[in-house]
N, C-alpha and C. Protein backbone atom coordinates (compact mmCIF):
# COMPACT_ATOMS: atom_id res chain seq x y z
N UNK A 1 -21.55 -3.67 -14.21
CA UNK A 1 -20.71 -3.45 -13.29
C UNK A 1 -20.87 -2.47 -11.88
N UNK A 2 -20.88 -1.22 -12.56
CA UNK A 2 -21.91 -0.02 -11.61
C UNK A 2 -22.93 -0.75 -9.94
N UNK A 3 -23.82 -1.73 -10.19
CA UNK A 3 -25.07 -1.82 -10.48
C UNK A 3 -24.08 -3.76 -9.35
N UNK A 4 -23.49 -4.39 -9.69
CA UNK A 4 -22.48 -5.11 -9.14
C UNK A 4 -21.77 -4.48 -7.72
N UNK A 5 -20.62 -3.23 -8.13
CA UNK A 5 -20.10 -2.94 -6.49
C UNK A 5 -21.86 -2.24 -6.16
N UNK A 6 -22.07 -1.59 -6.65
CA UNK A 6 -22.96 -1.20 -5.49
C UNK A 6 -24.00 -1.82 -4.72
N UNK A 7 -24.23 -2.82 -5.51
CA UNK A 7 -24.66 -4.43 -4.73
C UNK A 7 -24.83 -4.83 -3.79
N UNK A 8 -22.84 -4.40 -3.88
CA UNK A 8 -21.81 -5.43 -3.08
C UNK A 8 -21.90 -4.20 -1.76
N UNK A 9 -21.61 -2.98 -1.88
CA UNK A 9 -20.90 -1.84 -0.74
C UNK A 9 -22.39 -2.03 -0.38
N UNK A 10 -23.31 -2.09 -0.79
CA UNK A 10 -24.66 -1.99 0.41
C UNK A 10 -25.00 -3.55 1.00
N UNK A 11 -24.04 -4.45 0.41
CA UNK A 11 -24.43 -5.38 1.51
C UNK A 11 -24.42 -5.04 3.15
N UNK A 12 -24.79 -6.18 4.05
CA UNK A 12 -24.88 -5.82 5.59
C UNK A 12 -23.45 -6.97 5.62
N UNK A 13 -22.17 -6.49 6.54
CA UNK A 13 -21.20 -6.94 7.05
C UNK A 13 -21.22 -8.04 7.64
N UNK A 14 -20.14 -9.63 7.77
CA UNK A 14 -20.62 -10.04 8.86
C UNK A 14 -19.49 -9.61 10.12
N UNK A 15 -20.12 -9.94 10.81
CA UNK A 15 -19.66 -9.65 12.53
C UNK A 15 -18.36 -9.17 12.28
N UNK A 16 -17.85 -7.74 13.35
CA UNK A 16 -15.95 -7.91 12.85
C UNK A 16 -15.44 -7.39 12.59
N UNK A 17 -16.41 -6.76 10.87
CA UNK A 17 -16.35 -6.24 9.92
C UNK A 17 -16.90 -4.88 9.12
N UNK A 18 -15.95 -3.81 9.05
CA UNK A 18 -15.91 -2.57 9.08
C UNK A 18 -17.53 -2.59 8.47
N UNK A 19 -16.82 -2.95 7.25
CA UNK A 19 -17.13 -2.73 4.86
C UNK A 19 -17.11 -4.00 4.69
N UNK A 20 -18.15 -4.05 3.21
CA UNK A 20 -17.77 -5.37 2.66
C UNK A 20 -16.50 -4.65 1.76
N UNK A 21 -15.96 -5.42 1.14
CA UNK A 21 -14.27 -5.77 0.15
C UNK A 21 -15.14 -6.12 -0.96
N UNK A 22 -14.51 -5.34 -2.31
CA UNK A 22 -13.73 -6.12 -3.10
C UNK A 22 -13.43 -5.94 -3.64
N UNK A 23 -13.16 -6.93 -4.42
CA UNK A 23 -11.42 -7.52 -5.65
C UNK A 23 -10.93 -5.87 -5.94
N UNK A 24 -9.76 -5.55 -5.40
CA UNK A 24 -9.34 -4.12 -5.82
C UNK A 24 -8.81 -3.05 -3.95
N UNK A 25 -9.94 -3.56 -3.40
CA UNK A 25 -10.12 -2.06 -2.46
C UNK A 25 -8.90 -2.29 -1.23
N UNK A 26 -8.44 -3.29 -1.14
CA UNK A 26 -7.23 -3.72 0.15
C UNK A 26 -6.26 -2.77 -0.92
N UNK A 27 -6.29 -3.41 -2.17
CA UNK A 27 -4.96 -2.55 -3.07
C UNK A 27 -4.77 -1.32 -3.58
N UNK A 28 -6.57 -0.60 -3.32
CA UNK A 28 -6.46 0.79 -3.34
C UNK A 28 -6.37 1.34 -1.91
N UNK A 29 -6.54 1.00 -0.70
CA UNK A 29 -6.36 1.62 0.69
C UNK A 29 -4.94 1.69 0.86
N UNK A 30 -4.52 0.89 0.85
CA UNK A 30 -2.85 0.52 0.93
C UNK A 30 -1.96 1.66 0.18
N UNK A 31 -2.22 1.50 -0.94
CA UNK A 31 -1.75 2.45 -2.61
C UNK A 31 -2.26 3.91 -2.30
N UNK A 32 -3.08 3.97 -1.30
CA UNK A 32 -3.82 5.23 -0.68
C UNK A 32 -2.67 5.90 0.77
N UNK A 33 -1.98 5.15 1.15
CA UNK A 33 -1.69 5.00 2.53
C UNK A 33 -0.36 5.07 2.05
N UNK A 34 0.81 4.81 1.19
CA UNK A 34 2.21 4.83 0.58
C UNK A 34 2.23 6.34 0.35
N UNK A 35 0.62 6.52 -0.56
CA UNK A 35 1.39 7.73 -1.27
C UNK A 35 1.25 9.08 -0.23
N UNK A 36 0.56 8.95 0.68
CA UNK A 36 0.58 9.54 1.96
C UNK A 36 1.77 9.98 2.78
N UNK A 37 1.57 8.05 3.47
CA UNK A 37 2.91 8.31 4.35
C UNK A 37 4.43 7.37 3.70
N UNK A 38 4.23 7.26 2.88
CA UNK A 38 5.98 6.99 1.72
C UNK A 38 5.47 5.84 2.03
N UNK A 39 6.62 4.83 1.85
CA UNK A 39 6.13 2.92 1.51
C UNK A 39 8.07 2.55 2.35
N UNK A 40 7.26 2.16 3.29
CA UNK A 40 8.30 1.71 4.40
C UNK A 40 8.93 0.66 3.50
N UNK A 41 10.80 0.59 4.35
CA UNK A 41 11.25 0.05 3.87
C UNK A 41 12.56 -0.13 4.32
N UNK A 42 13.04 -2.07 4.74
CA UNK A 42 13.05 -2.14 5.88
C UNK A 42 14.86 -1.20 6.08
N UNK A 43 15.37 -1.56 7.24
CA UNK A 43 17.08 -1.70 7.69
C UNK A 43 17.93 -1.61 7.29
N UNK A 44 17.97 -2.93 6.70
CA UNK A 44 19.08 -4.03 6.15
C UNK A 44 19.19 -3.47 4.67
N UNK A 45 17.87 -2.93 4.34
CA UNK A 45 17.22 -2.42 2.53
C UNK A 45 18.26 -1.05 1.83
N UNK A 46 18.38 0.11 3.72
CA UNK A 46 18.07 0.74 3.09
C UNK A 46 19.92 1.08 3.19
N UNK A 47 20.60 0.17 4.01
CA UNK A 47 22.35 -0.27 3.96
C UNK A 47 22.10 -0.51 2.91
N UNK A 48 22.24 -1.98 2.34
CA UNK A 48 22.33 -1.84 1.12
C UNK A 48 22.84 -0.76 0.35
N UNK A 49 20.95 -0.45 0.52
CA UNK A 49 21.26 0.82 -0.95
C UNK A 49 22.06 2.39 -1.02
N UNK A 50 22.32 2.88 0.64
CA UNK A 50 23.72 3.67 0.50
C UNK A 50 24.97 2.51 0.37
N UNK A 51 25.21 1.28 1.44
CA UNK A 51 26.26 0.76 0.47
C UNK A 51 27.02 0.70 -0.90
N UNK A 52 25.73 0.61 -1.84
CA UNK A 52 25.19 0.94 -3.77
C UNK A 52 25.94 2.56 -3.84
N UNK A 53 25.02 3.34 -3.59
CA UNK A 53 25.70 4.54 -3.34
C UNK A 53 26.58 4.82 -3.67
N UNK A 54 27.45 5.16 -2.33
CA UNK A 54 28.87 5.18 -2.13
C UNK A 54 30.10 4.64 -3.24
N UNK A 55 29.49 2.83 -3.37
CA UNK A 55 30.66 2.44 -4.45
C UNK A 55 30.28 3.14 -5.79
N UNK A 56 29.07 3.42 -6.59
CA UNK A 56 29.02 4.25 -7.36
C UNK A 56 29.23 5.88 -7.96
N UNK A 57 28.89 6.01 -6.43
CA UNK A 57 29.20 7.53 -6.15
C UNK A 57 27.24 7.78 -6.80
N UNK A 58 26.56 7.71 -6.30
CA UNK A 58 25.07 8.15 -6.27
C UNK A 58 24.42 8.90 -4.63
N UNK A 59 24.37 9.98 -4.31
CA UNK A 59 23.91 9.85 -3.74
C UNK A 59 22.32 9.55 -2.73
N UNK A 60 22.34 9.37 -1.10
CA UNK A 60 21.64 8.51 -0.86
C UNK A 60 21.04 9.37 -0.15
N UNK A 61 19.12 10.05 -0.36
CA UNK A 61 18.55 10.69 0.28
C UNK A 61 18.01 9.85 1.18
N UNK A 62 17.53 10.20 1.81
CA UNK A 62 16.15 9.39 2.27
C UNK A 62 15.45 10.42 3.52
């Protein structure tokens, strides 16, 4: 598996692409971004969570 990964990582990219991706790369990149910057949440979801927090006496920390 390591040989396979090294072979693909060293492959020439197509025009317009910065690097060759292998399965799992996009997910690892998003995970790193989420760990650094947090998970984006839509405003309606935040409003629903606040409503539920008030209903069940749970503090909402944003």
